[in-house]
């Protein structure tokens, strides 16, 4: 697992809309941290720091170390970011406390390995990614940075389903009612076009033969009439 990033916050003394507006004017994003068997705590996070974390991506699926002055550090995961409806900028953040053995569901990115030696790609195929992320139920103390899928032995037409993936111990997919597709190795578009042209050519040939038979039949009928 990658090193856990920090969220540095201060405890917000006031609550309600007035205190939240004051925090925003001072360059903070108001928020709340809850769960873990403790009372909720109102916090403020520096706007620029939170925006940097949001731009880094996967904010809702990352485990953070929350540092609040005067309090013990705690593991948290974001459970919601409210945004301005016009500017799409963060206006409030909800964080949930987690213990190491807490079970949470989140989206984990898929990482494809050995594309340079993949049989299908060397034959001109392309990787078609159906799911770039997989929603998993995981233990907070062992959240995988990514799910690795080895492409080395895959050829054109091969499909990778969730049943083909070895997940970390204690981890399971949230979708359990079907064996869903993650990716496949597709034929290149040029090859598909050639196949389609071949099929069309075969259809034209068949149509031509049928038409020719019709013409021969018509000629035979005319000859019989003349006789």
Protein backbone atom coordinates (compact mmCIF):
# COMPACT_ATOMS: atom_id res chain seq x y z
CA UNK A 1 0.00 0.00 0.00
CA UNK A 2 1.30 3.51 -0.82
CA UNK A 3 2.22 5.96 1.94
CA UNK A 4 -0.92 7.45 3.44
CA UNK A 5 -1.37 11.15 2.58
CA UNK A 6 -2.26 13.69 5.25
CA UNK A 7 -5.19 16.03 5.63
CA UNK A 8 -4.31 18.85 8.03
CA UNK A 9 -7.28 20.56 9.66
CA UNK A 10 -8.22 22.78 12.57
CA UNK A 11 -11.21 22.32 14.84
CA UNK A 12 -14.03 24.74 14.05
CA UNK A 13 -15.49 26.31 17.16
CA UNK A 14 -18.75 27.51 15.67
CA UNK A 15 -21.35 25.51 13.81
CA UNK A 16 -24.13 26.36 11.43
CA UNK A 17 -24.26 28.37 8.21
CA UNK A 18 -22.77 31.50 9.72
CA UNK A 19 -19.61 29.76 10.94
CA UNK A 20 -19.29 27.92 7.61
CA UNK A 21 -19.51 31.16 5.62
CA UNK A 22 -16.92 32.77 7.89
CA UNK A 23 -14.57 29.82 7.33
CA UNK A 24 -14.94 30.10 3.54
CA UNK A 25 -14.20 33.84 3.64
CA UNK A 26 -11.01 33.04 5.58
CA UNK A 27 -9.84 30.59 2.90
CA UNK A 28 -11.03 27.33 4.48
CA UNK A 29 -13.47 24.61 3.53
CA UNK A 30 -15.70 23.65 6.45
CA UNK A 31 -16.24 19.99 7.15
CA UNK A 32 -17.09 17.36 9.70
CA UNK A 33 -15.40 14.14 10.80
CA UNK A 34 -17.64 11.45 12.29
CA UNK A 35 -17.89 7.72 13.05
CA UNK A 36 -15.47 5.44 14.83
CA UNK A 37 -17.59 5.39 17.98
CA UNK A 38 -16.82 9.06 18.75
CA UNK A 39 -18.79 12.29 18.57
CA UNK A 40 -18.71 14.31 15.33
CA UNK A 41 -16.18 17.13 15.20
CA UNK A 42 -16.52 20.25 13.05
CA UNK A 43 -13.28 21.06 11.20
CA UNK A 44 -11.80 23.51 8.72
CA UNK A 45 -9.44 22.44 5.94
CA UNK A 46 -7.33 24.93 3.97
CA UNK A 47 -9.03 25.52 0.64
CA UNK A 48 -5.84 25.31 -1.45
CA UNK A 49 -4.71 22.09 0.26
CA UNK A 50 -8.08 20.41 -0.26
CA UNK A 51 -8.24 21.52 -3.89
CA UNK A 52 -4.77 20.05 -4.47
CA UNK A 53 -5.91 16.71 -3.04
CA UNK A 54 -9.04 16.76 -5.20
CA UNK A 55 -7.05 17.46 -8.35
CA UNK A 56 -4.70 14.58 -7.54
CA UNK A 57 -7.63 12.26 -8.23
CA UNK A 58 -9.31 9.32 -6.46
CA UNK A 59 -10.14 11.48 -3.46
CA UNK A 60 -13.18 9.40 -2.54
CA UNK A 61 -11.23 6.13 -2.65
CA UNK A 62 -8.12 7.22 -0.75
CA UNK A 63 -7.42 6.58 2.91
CA UNK A 64 -6.07 9.72 4.63
CA UNK A 65 -4.32 10.46 7.91
CA UNK A 66 -6.28 13.32 9.49
CA UNK A 67 -4.19 15.66 11.64
CA UNK A 68 -6.10 18.05 13.89
CA UNK A 69 -4.12 20.17 16.35
CA UNK A 70 -4.50 18.91 19.89
CA UNK A 71 -6.01 15.57 18.84
CA UNK A 72 -4.60 12.16 17.99
CA UNK A 73 -4.13 11.40 14.31
CA UNK A 74 -6.92 9.29 12.85
CA UNK A 75 -7.50 7.39 9.62
CA UNK A 76 -10.36 8.81 7.59
CA UNK A 77 -11.97 8.34 4.23
CA UNK A 78 -14.03 10.97 2.43
CA UNK A 79 -17.72 10.25 2.26
CA UNK A 80 -18.79 13.34 0.38
CA UNK A 81 -17.67 16.65 -1.09
CA UNK A 82 -20.26 19.36 -1.61
CA UNK A 83 -19.50 21.77 -4.46
CA UNK A 84 -20.69 25.14 -5.63
CA UNK A 85 -23.35 24.54 -8.30
CA UNK A 86 -21.91 27.24 -10.56
CA UNK A 87 -18.14 27.17 -10.00
CA UNK A 88 -17.90 23.44 -9.10
CA UNK A 89 -15.50 24.29 -6.26
CA UNK A 90 -15.57 22.51 -2.86
CA UNK A 91 -17.77 24.10 -0.19
CA UNK A 92 -17.96 21.31 2.42
CA UNK A 93 -16.29 17.96 3.10
CA UNK A 94 -17.47 14.93 5.09
CA UNK A 95 -14.83 12.59 6.55
CA UNK A 96 -15.46 9.26 8.29
CA UNK A 97 -13.12 7.82 10.94
CA UNK A 98 -11.85 4.29 10.37
CA UNK A 99 -10.11 1.69 12.47
CA UNK A 100 -7.56 -0.61 10.85
CA UNK A 101 -10.08 -3.45 10.86
CA UNK A 102 -12.97 -1.33 9.53
CA UNK A 103 -14.56 -2.61 6.33
CA UNK A 104 -15.37 -0.06 3.65
CA UNK A 105 -16.40 -0.15 0.01
CA UNK A 106 -14.53 2.03 -2.44
CA UNK A 107 -13.33 2.16 -6.03
CA UNK A 108 -9.80 0.89 -6.68
CA UNK A 109 -8.07 1.62 -10.01
CA UNK A 110 -7.01 -1.15 -12.40
CA UNK A 111 -3.36 -1.30 -13.48
CA UNK A 112 -2.50 -3.25 -16.66
CA UNK A 113 0.92 -4.94 -16.72
CA UNK A 114 3.17 -6.23 -19.54
CA UNK A 115 1.45 -4.42 -22.40
CA UNK A 116 4.81 -4.36 -24.21
CA UNK A 117 4.90 -8.18 -24.44
CA UNK A 118 1.16 -8.86 -24.73
CA UNK A 119 0.57 -11.38 -27.54
CA UNK A 120 -2.61 -9.72 -28.77
CA UNK A 121 -1.09 -6.24 -28.79
CA UNK A 122 1.95 -7.48 -30.71
CA UNK A 123 -0.48 -8.90 -33.27
CA UNK A 124 -1.98 -5.45 -33.70
CA UNK A 125 -4.83 -5.68 -31.20
CA UNK A 126 -5.84 -2.99 -28.74
CA UNK A 127 -6.80 -3.05 -25.05
CA UNK A 128 -10.46 -2.12 -24.61
CA UNK A 129 -10.96 -1.10 -20.97
CA UNK A 130 -14.52 -1.71 -19.79
CA UNK A 131 -13.84 -0.85 -16.14
CA UNK A 132 -10.92 1.37 -15.21
CA UNK A 133 -11.92 1.04 -11.55
CA UNK A 134 -13.47 -1.80 -9.55
CA UNK A 135 -15.70 -1.22 -6.54
CA UNK A 136 -14.41 -3.42 -3.73
CA UNK A 137 -15.16 -4.17 -0.11
CA UNK A 138 -11.80 -3.82 1.67
CA UNK A 139 -10.23 -3.63 5.12
CA UNK A 140 -9.11 -0.10 5.97
CA UNK A 141 -5.68 -1.27 7.06
CA UNK A 142 -4.90 -2.96 3.73
CA UNK A 143 -6.44 -0.92 0.93
CA UNK A 144 -4.64 -1.83 -2.33
CA UNK A 145 -3.19 1.03 -4.33
CA UNK A 146 -4.38 -0.69 -7.53
CA UNK A 147 -5.53 -4.06 -8.88
CA UNK A 148 -2.87 -5.47 -11.21
CA UNK A 149 -3.88 -7.39 -14.33
CA UNK A 150 -1.20 -9.19 -16.36
CA UNK A 151 -1.79 -8.93 -20.12
CA UNK A 152 1.28 -10.91 -21.23
CA UNK A 153 -0.47 -14.11 -22.35
CA UNK A 154 -3.65 -12.56 -23.75
CA UNK A 155 -4.38 -12.73 -27.48
CA UNK A 156 -6.91 -10.97 -29.70
CA UNK A 157 -10.40 -11.94 -28.60
CA UNK A 158 -9.43 -12.76 -25.01
CA UNK A 159 -11.51 -11.27 -22.20
CA UNK A 160 -10.57 -10.48 -18.59
CA UNK A 161 -13.42 -11.07 -16.12
CA UNK A 162 -13.39 -10.34 -12.41
CA UNK A 163 -13.11 -14.10 -11.79
CA UNK A 164 -9.73 -14.03 -13.57
CA UNK A 165 -8.31 -11.49 -11.10
CA UNK A 166 -6.54 -12.41 -7.85
CA UNK A 167 -7.75 -9.92 -5.25
CA UNK A 168 -5.88 -9.16 -2.02
CA UNK A 169 -6.84 -11.28 0.99
CA UNK A 170 -9.96 -9.99 2.70
CA UNK A 171 -11.08 -8.11 -0.41
CA UNK A 172 -14.12 -8.87 -2.55
CA UNK A 173 -15.97 -7.13 -5.38
CA UNK A 174 -19.20 -5.32 -4.53
CA UNK A 175 -20.87 -6.83 -7.60
CA UNK A 176 -21.45 -10.48 -6.76
CA UNK A 177 -24.37 -11.50 -8.97
CA UNK A 178 -22.38 -11.77 -12.20
CA UNK A 179 -18.88 -12.34 -13.58
CA UNK A 180 -18.40 -8.88 -15.05
CA UNK A 181 -15.88 -7.88 -17.74
CA UNK A 182 -12.95 -5.62 -16.90
CA UNK A 183 -11.16 -5.49 -20.27
CA UNK A 184 -10.60 -7.36 -23.51
CA UNK A 185 -8.11 -7.48 -26.36
CA UNK A 186 -9.93 -6.29 -29.47
CA UNK A 187 -8.94 -6.59 -33.12
CA UNK A 188 -7.69 -3.31 -34.66
CA UNK A 189 -10.34 -1.24 -36.44
CA UNK A 190 -8.58 -1.70 -39.80
CA UNK A 191 -8.85 -5.48 -39.48
CA UNK A 192 -12.52 -5.18 -38.58
CA UNK A 193 -13.09 -3.04 -41.68
CA UNK A 194 -11.39 -5.63 -43.91
CA UNK A 195 -13.56 -8.39 -42.43
CA UNK A 196 -16.68 -6.32 -43.04
CA UNK A 197 -15.60 -5.67 -46.64
CA UNK A 198 -14.99 -9.39 -47.17
CA UNK A 199 -18.46 -10.17 -45.85
CA UNK A 200 -19.99 -7.53 -48.13
CA UNK A 201 -18.04 -8.94 -51.08
CA UNK A 202 -19.34 -12.42 -50.39
CA UNK A 203 -22.90 -11.09 -50.21
CA UNK A 204 -22.46 -9.25 -53.54
CA UNK A 205 -21.11 -12.44 -55.15
CA UNK A 206 -24.07 -14.47 -53.93
CA UNK A 207 -26.49 -11.78 -55.12
CA UNK A 208 -24.74 -11.75 -58.52
CA UNK A 209 -25.03 -15.50 -58.87
CA UNK A 210 -28.71 -15.36 -58.05
CA UNK A 211 -29.26 -12.56 -60.55
CA UNK A 212 -27.29 -14.51 -63.20
CA UNK A 213 -29.44 -17.55 -62.66
CA UNK A 214 -32.48 -15.39 -63.15
CA UNK A 215 -31.18 -14.01 -66.43
CA UNK A 216 -30.30 -17.50 -67.73
CA UNK A 217 -33.76 -18.66 -66.84
CA UNK A 218 -35.28 -15.73 -68.68
CA UNK A 219 -33.19 -16.46 -71.81
CA UNK A 220 -34.28 -20.11 -71.75
CA UNK A 221 -37.91 -19.05 -71.55
CA UNK A 222 -37.51 -16.67 -74.50
CA UNK A 223 -35.91 -19.43 -76.61
CA UNK A 224 -38.75 -21.80 -75.82
CA UNK A 225 -41.29 -19.14 -76.82
CA UNK A 226 -39.57 -18.50 -80.18
CA UNK A 227 -39.63 -22.22 -80.98
